[in-house]
Amino acid sequence: MTKRDPQELLPLTPAMFYVLVALADGDTHGYQILKDVEQLTSGTVRLSTGTLYGIIKRLLNDGLIREFGRGDPEKKIDERRRSYELTAFGRSVARAEAVRLEQTLAIAKRKMLFKRS
């Protein structure tokens, strides 16, 4: 099996990146991802459920996240809820995107976009 290069999937859309970041601390379900993205962005990004599940479908297909067992009595997760977690490859892609964004910001700073006039 050939190891995939995270760069092949870049750039990510901002919404995709936020979903991966929301999953960085551990597994969770869709509704919590919506809330986490909203909190991470101080309310500036509010994903609709349709948008979120479209992103989840793509992330699953690309191998960035995985879905696991519905419901967990120990965690008190409802049987109807699907939970998701980052894969190792997903974490690598999120890290590569963060580096790309950091480099983009450095360019903007060098071009003095943040200089006060």
N, C-alpha and C. Protein backbone atom coordinates (compact mmCIF):
# COMPACT_ATOMS: atom_id res chain seq x y z
N MET A 1 0.84 -1.19 0.00
CA MET A 1 0.00 0.00 0.00
C MET A 1 0.88 1.25 0.00
N THR A 2 0.60 2.16 -0.90
CA THR A 2 1.38 3.38 -1.04
C THR A 2 0.90 4.41 -0.02
N LYS A 3 1.86 5.06 0.62
CA LYS A 3 1.52 6.11 1.57
C LYS A 3 1.07 7.35 0.81
N ARG A 4 -0.06 7.91 1.21
CA ARG A 4 -0.61 9.08 0.53
C ARG A 4 0.06 10.35 1.03
N ASP A 5 0.18 11.31 0.12
CA ASP A 5 0.76 12.60 0.44
C ASP A 5 -0.37 13.56 0.83
N PRO A 6 -0.34 14.12 2.05
CA PRO A 6 -1.39 15.06 2.47
C PRO A 6 -1.53 16.25 1.53
N GLN A 7 -0.43 16.65 0.89
CA GLN A 7 -0.46 17.81 -0.01
C GLN A 7 -1.44 17.62 -1.17
N GLU A 8 -1.70 16.37 -1.53
CA GLU A 8 -2.61 16.09 -2.65
C GLU A 8 -4.02 16.60 -2.40
N LEU A 9 -4.40 16.74 -1.13
CA LEU A 9 -5.76 17.16 -0.81
C LEU A 9 -5.87 18.65 -0.48
N LEU A 10 -4.76 19.37 -0.58
CA LEU A 10 -4.77 20.79 -0.25
C LEU A 10 -5.00 21.62 -1.51
N PRO A 11 -5.58 22.80 -1.36
CA PRO A 11 -6.07 23.38 -0.12
C PRO A 11 -7.44 22.82 0.26
N LEU A 12 -7.70 22.82 1.55
CA LEU A 12 -9.02 22.45 2.05
C LEU A 12 -9.90 23.68 2.03
N THR A 13 -11.20 23.47 1.98
CA THR A 13 -12.10 24.61 2.17
C THR A 13 -12.02 24.98 3.65
N PRO A 14 -12.32 26.24 3.99
CA PRO A 14 -12.31 26.61 5.41
C PRO A 14 -13.24 25.71 6.24
N ALA A 15 -14.40 25.39 5.71
CA ALA A 15 -15.35 24.56 6.47
C ALA A 15 -14.78 23.17 6.72
N MET A 16 -14.13 22.58 5.72
CA MET A 16 -13.52 21.26 5.91
C MET A 16 -12.43 21.33 6.98
N PHE A 17 -11.63 22.37 6.93
CA PHE A 17 -10.55 22.52 7.91
C PHE A 17 -11.13 22.64 9.32
N TYR A 18 -12.18 23.44 9.48
CA TYR A 18 -12.79 23.60 10.81
C TYR A 18 -13.36 22.29 11.33
N VAL A 19 -13.93 21.48 10.46
CA VAL A 19 -14.45 20.18 10.90
C VAL A 19 -13.31 19.30 11.38
N LEU A 20 -12.20 19.28 10.65
CA LEU A 20 -11.05 18.48 11.10
C LEU A 20 -10.52 19.00 12.43
N VAL A 21 -10.44 20.31 12.58
CA VAL A 21 -9.97 20.89 13.84
C VAL A 21 -10.92 20.53 14.98
N ALA A 22 -12.22 20.55 14.70
CA ALA A 22 -13.20 20.19 15.73
C ALA A 22 -13.02 18.75 16.19
N LEU A 23 -12.54 17.89 15.31
CA LEU A 23 -12.34 16.48 15.66
C LEU A 23 -10.95 16.20 16.24
N ALA A 24 -10.09 17.21 16.30
CA ALA A 24 -8.71 17.01 16.74
C ALA A 24 -8.61 16.55 18.20
N ASP A 25 -9.57 16.92 19.02
CA ASP A 25 -9.52 16.54 20.44
C ASP A 25 -10.13 15.19 20.73
N GLY A 26 -10.75 14.58 19.74
CA GLY A 26 -11.33 13.26 19.95
C GLY A 26 -12.63 13.09 19.20
N ASP A 27 -13.18 11.89 19.30
CA ASP A 27 -14.39 11.55 18.55
C ASP A 27 -15.60 12.31 19.06
N THR A 28 -16.52 12.55 18.16
CA THR A 28 -17.77 13.21 18.52
C THR A 28 -18.81 12.98 17.42
N HIS A 29 -20.01 13.43 17.66
CA HIS A 29 -21.12 13.27 16.72
C HIS A 29 -21.37 14.57 15.98
N GLY A 30 -22.18 14.48 14.93
CA GLY A 30 -22.41 15.61 14.03
C GLY A 30 -22.88 16.88 14.70
N TYR A 31 -23.88 16.79 15.57
CA TYR A 31 -24.40 18.00 16.21
C TYR A 31 -23.31 18.69 17.02
N GLN A 32 -22.49 17.91 17.70
CA GLN A 32 -21.41 18.51 18.50
C GLN A 32 -20.37 19.16 17.60
N ILE A 33 -20.13 18.58 16.43
CA ILE A 33 -19.19 19.20 15.47
C ILE A 33 -19.72 20.58 15.07
N LEU A 34 -21.02 20.68 14.79
CA LEU A 34 -21.61 21.98 14.45
C LEU A 34 -21.35 23.00 15.55
N LYS A 35 -21.59 22.60 16.79
CA LYS A 35 -21.40 23.50 17.93
C LYS A 35 -19.93 23.85 18.11
N ASP A 36 -19.04 22.87 17.95
CA ASP A 36 -17.61 23.12 18.11
C ASP A 36 -17.08 24.09 17.06
N VAL A 37 -17.52 23.93 15.81
CA VAL A 37 -17.09 24.84 14.75
C VAL A 37 -17.56 26.25 15.06
N GLU A 38 -18.79 26.38 15.50
CA GLU A 38 -19.32 27.70 15.86
C GLU A 38 -18.49 28.32 16.99
N GLN A 39 -18.16 27.51 17.99
CA GLN A 39 -17.37 28.01 19.11
C GLN A 39 -15.94 28.36 18.68
N LEU A 40 -15.31 27.49 17.88
CA LEU A 40 -13.94 27.74 17.42
C LEU A 40 -13.82 29.05 16.65
N THR A 41 -14.88 29.41 15.94
CA THR A 41 -14.85 30.61 15.09
C THR A 41 -15.56 31.79 15.74
N SER A 42 -15.84 31.70 17.02
CA SER A 42 -16.55 32.75 17.75
C SER A 42 -17.85 33.13 17.06
N GLY A 43 -18.51 32.14 16.48
CA GLY A 43 -19.81 32.35 15.87
C GLY A 43 -19.77 32.86 14.44
N THR A 44 -18.59 33.06 13.87
CA THR A 44 -18.53 33.58 12.50
C THR A 44 -18.81 32.52 11.45
N VAL A 45 -18.65 31.25 11.82
CA VAL A 45 -18.97 30.15 10.90
C VAL A 45 -20.04 29.30 11.54
N ARG A 46 -21.18 29.21 10.87
CA ARG A 46 -22.28 28.36 11.32
C ARG A 46 -22.66 27.46 10.16
N LEU A 47 -22.28 26.21 10.28
CA LEU A 47 -22.56 25.25 9.22
C LEU A 47 -23.99 24.75 9.31
N SER A 48 -24.64 24.61 8.18
CA SER A 48 -25.95 23.95 8.17
C SER A 48 -25.71 22.45 8.27
N THR A 49 -26.73 21.71 8.66
CA THR A 49 -26.56 20.26 8.76
C THR A 49 -26.27 19.66 7.38
N GLY A 50 -26.90 20.20 6.34
CA GLY A 50 -26.64 19.70 4.99
C GLY A 50 -25.19 19.90 4.57
N THR A 51 -24.66 21.08 4.87
CA THR A 51 -23.25 21.36 4.56
C THR A 51 -22.35 20.44 5.36
N LEU A 52 -22.63 20.30 6.65
CA LEU A 52 -21.79 19.44 7.50
C LEU A 52 -21.76 18.01 6.97
N TYR A 53 -22.92 17.44 6.67
CA TYR A 53 -22.94 16.04 6.25
C TYR A 53 -22.36 15.85 4.85
N GLY A 54 -22.40 16.89 4.01
CA GLY A 54 -21.69 16.84 2.74
C GLY A 54 -20.18 16.80 2.96
N ILE A 55 -19.71 17.61 3.90
CA ILE A 55 -18.28 17.62 4.25
C ILE A 55 -17.88 16.28 4.85
N ILE A 56 -18.70 15.77 5.77
CA ILE A 56 -18.40 14.49 6.41
C ILE A 56 -18.29 13.38 5.35
N LYS A 57 -19.21 13.39 4.39
CA LYS A 57 -19.17 12.37 3.33
C LYS A 57 -17.85 12.44 2.57
N ARG A 58 -17.44 13.65 2.22
CA ARG A 58 -16.17 13.80 1.49
C ARG A 58 -14.98 13.39 2.35
N LEU A 59 -14.97 13.79 3.62
CA LEU A 59 -13.86 13.43 4.51
C LEU A 59 -13.78 11.92 4.71
N LEU A 60 -14.94 11.26 4.79
CA LEU A 60 -14.97 9.80 4.90
C LEU A 60 -14.40 9.17 3.63
N ASN A 61 -14.85 9.65 2.47
CA ASN A 61 -14.38 9.11 1.19
C ASN A 61 -12.88 9.30 0.98
N ASP A 62 -12.36 10.42 1.49
CA ASP A 62 -10.93 10.71 1.35
C ASP A 62 -10.08 10.05 2.43
N GLY A 63 -10.73 9.38 3.38
CA GLY A 63 -10.00 8.69 4.44
C GLY A 63 -9.45 9.59 5.53
N LEU A 64 -10.03 10.79 5.66
CA LEU A 64 -9.55 11.73 6.68
C LEU A 64 -10.22 11.50 8.04
N ILE A 65 -11.42 10.97 8.00
CA ILE A 65 -12.13 10.63 9.24
C ILE A 65 -12.73 9.23 9.07
N ARG A 66 -13.15 8.67 10.18
CA ARG A 66 -13.87 7.40 10.11
C ARG A 66 -15.09 7.49 11.00
N GLU A 67 -16.10 6.76 10.61
CA GLU A 67 -17.34 6.66 11.38
C GLU A 67 -17.24 5.39 12.22
N PHE A 68 -17.74 5.45 13.43
CA PHE A 68 -17.74 4.24 14.23
C PHE A 68 -19.07 4.06 14.91
N GLY A 69 -19.21 2.91 15.54
CA GLY A 69 -20.45 2.44 16.15
C GLY A 69 -21.43 3.49 16.58
N ARG A 70 -22.64 3.24 16.21
CA ARG A 70 -23.72 4.14 16.63
C ARG A 70 -24.03 3.87 18.09
N GLY A 71 -24.12 4.93 18.85
CA GLY A 71 -24.48 4.82 20.25
C GLY A 71 -23.39 4.19 21.09
N ASP A 72 -23.30 4.63 22.30
CA ASP A 72 -22.34 4.09 23.25
C ASP A 72 -22.93 4.27 24.63
N PRO A 73 -23.43 3.19 25.24
CA PRO A 73 -24.07 3.31 26.54
C PRO A 73 -23.17 3.92 27.61
N GLU A 74 -21.87 3.62 27.56
CA GLU A 74 -20.96 4.16 28.56
C GLU A 74 -20.80 5.67 28.43
N LYS A 75 -20.80 6.16 27.19
CA LYS A 75 -20.65 7.60 26.96
C LYS A 75 -22.01 8.30 26.91
N LYS A 76 -23.08 7.52 27.07
CA LYS A 76 -24.45 8.04 27.00
C LYS A 76 -24.72 8.70 25.65
N ILE A 77 -24.23 8.05 24.58
CA ILE A 77 -24.47 8.53 23.22
C ILE A 77 -25.68 7.80 22.66
N ASP A 78 -26.61 8.55 22.15
CA ASP A 78 -27.85 8.03 21.58
C ASP A 78 -27.55 7.01 20.49
N GLU A 79 -28.33 5.95 20.44
CA GLU A 79 -28.19 4.88 19.44
C GLU A 79 -28.29 5.42 18.01
N ARG A 80 -29.06 6.49 17.81
CA ARG A 80 -29.25 7.03 16.46
C ARG A 80 -28.10 7.90 15.98
N ARG A 81 -27.23 8.32 16.88
CA ARG A 81 -26.14 9.21 16.51
C ARG A 81 -24.94 8.46 15.96
N ARG A 82 -24.38 9.02 14.91
CA ARG A 82 -23.14 8.49 14.35
C ARG A 82 -22.00 9.33 14.91
N SER A 83 -20.93 8.69 15.26
CA SER A 83 -19.76 9.40 15.77
C SER A 83 -18.63 9.31 14.76
N TYR A 84 -17.76 10.30 14.80
CA TYR A 84 -16.66 10.40 13.85
C TYR A 84 -15.37 10.70 14.59
N GLU A 85 -14.25 10.25 14.00
CA GLU A 85 -12.95 10.58 14.55
C GLU A 85 -11.95 10.78 13.42
N LEU A 86 -10.92 11.56 13.71
CA LEU A 86 -9.84 11.76 12.75
C LEU A 86 -9.05 10.48 12.57
N THR A 87 -8.63 10.23 11.36
CA THR A 87 -7.67 9.15 11.11
C THR A 87 -6.27 9.77 11.22
N ALA A 88 -5.26 8.94 11.24
CA ALA A 88 -3.88 9.46 11.26
C ALA A 88 -3.63 10.30 10.00
N PHE A 89 -4.15 9.84 8.86
CA PHE A 89 -4.00 10.60 7.62
C PHE A 89 -4.74 11.93 7.71
N GLY A 90 -5.93 11.92 8.30
CA GLY A 90 -6.69 13.15 8.48
C GLY A 90 -5.95 14.17 9.33
N ARG A 91 -5.30 13.69 10.38
CA ARG A 91 -4.50 14.56 11.24
C ARG A 91 -3.33 15.15 10.43
N SER A 92 -2.71 14.33 9.59
CA SER A 92 -1.60 14.81 8.74
C SER A 92 -2.07 15.87 7.76
N VAL A 93 -3.24 15.66 7.17
CA VAL A 93 -3.78 16.64 6.22
C VAL A 93 -4.13 17.94 6.94
N ALA A 94 -4.74 17.85 8.11
CA ALA A 94 -5.08 19.06 8.88
C ALA A 94 -3.81 19.82 9.26
N ARG A 95 -2.79 19.10 9.66
CA ARG A 95 -1.50 19.72 10.00
C ARG A 95 -0.90 20.42 8.78
N ALA A 96 -0.93 19.76 7.63
CA ALA A 96 -0.39 20.34 6.40
C ALA A 96 -1.17 21.59 6.00
N GLU A 97 -2.47 21.57 6.19
CA GLU A 97 -3.30 22.75 5.87
C GLU A 97 -2.97 23.89 6.82
N ALA A 98 -2.76 23.59 8.10
CA ALA A 98 -2.40 24.63 9.07
C ALA A 98 -1.08 25.28 8.69
N VAL A 99 -0.12 24.49 8.26
CA VAL A 99 1.18 25.02 7.81
C VAL A 99 0.98 25.89 6.58
N ARG A 100 0.16 25.44 5.64
CA ARG A 100 -0.11 26.21 4.42
C ARG A 100 -0.73 27.56 4.77
N LEU A 101 -1.69 27.56 5.69
CA LEU A 101 -2.34 28.80 6.10
C LEU A 101 -1.36 29.72 6.82
N GLU A 102 -0.50 29.14 7.64
CA GLU A 102 0.52 29.92 8.34
C GLU A 102 1.46 30.60 7.33
N GLN A 103 1.85 29.87 6.30
CA GLN A 103 2.72 30.44 5.26
C GLN A 103 2.01 31.55 4.50
N THR A 104 0.73 31.37 4.24
CA THR A 104 -0.06 32.39 3.55
C THR A 104 -0.12 33.66 4.39
N LEU A 105 -0.34 33.51 5.69
CA LEU A 105 -0.38 34.65 6.59
C LEU A 105 0.97 35.36 6.64
N ALA A 106 2.06 34.60 6.66
CA ALA A 106 3.40 35.19 6.67
C ALA A 106 3.63 36.04 5.42
N ILE A 107 3.15 35.57 4.28
CA ILE A 107 3.28 36.34 3.04
C ILE A 107 2.50 37.65 3.15
N ALA A 108 1.29 37.57 3.67
CA ALA A 108 0.46 38.77 3.83
C ALA A 108 1.14 39.77 4.77
N LYS A 109 1.76 39.27 5.83
CA LYS A 109 2.46 40.16 6.76
C LYS A 109 3.67 40.81 6.10
N ARG A 110 4.41 40.02 5.31
CA ARG A 110 5.57 40.57 4.61
C ARG A 110 5.16 41.64 3.61
N LYS A 111 4.01 41.47 3.03
CA LYS A 111 3.50 42.44 2.05
C LYS A 111 2.86 43.64 2.75
N MET A 112 2.97 43.64 4.05
CA MET A 112 2.53 44.76 4.89
C MET A 112 1.02 44.97 4.87
N LEU A 113 0.28 43.92 4.71
CA LEU A 113 -1.17 44.06 4.75
C LEU A 113 -1.66 44.42 6.14
N PHE A 114 -0.83 44.17 7.14
CA PHE A 114 -1.24 44.44 8.51
C PHE A 114 -0.63 45.71 9.08
N LYS A 115 0.09 46.44 8.24
CA LYS A 115 0.73 47.67 8.70
C LYS A 115 -0.33 48.76 8.85
N ARG A 116 -0.21 49.48 9.95
CA ARG A 116 -1.14 50.60 10.15
C ARG A 116 -0.68 51.78 9.32
N SER A 117 -1.66 52.47 8.71
CA SER A 117 -1.29 53.62 7.88
C SER A 117 -1.50 54.91 8.62
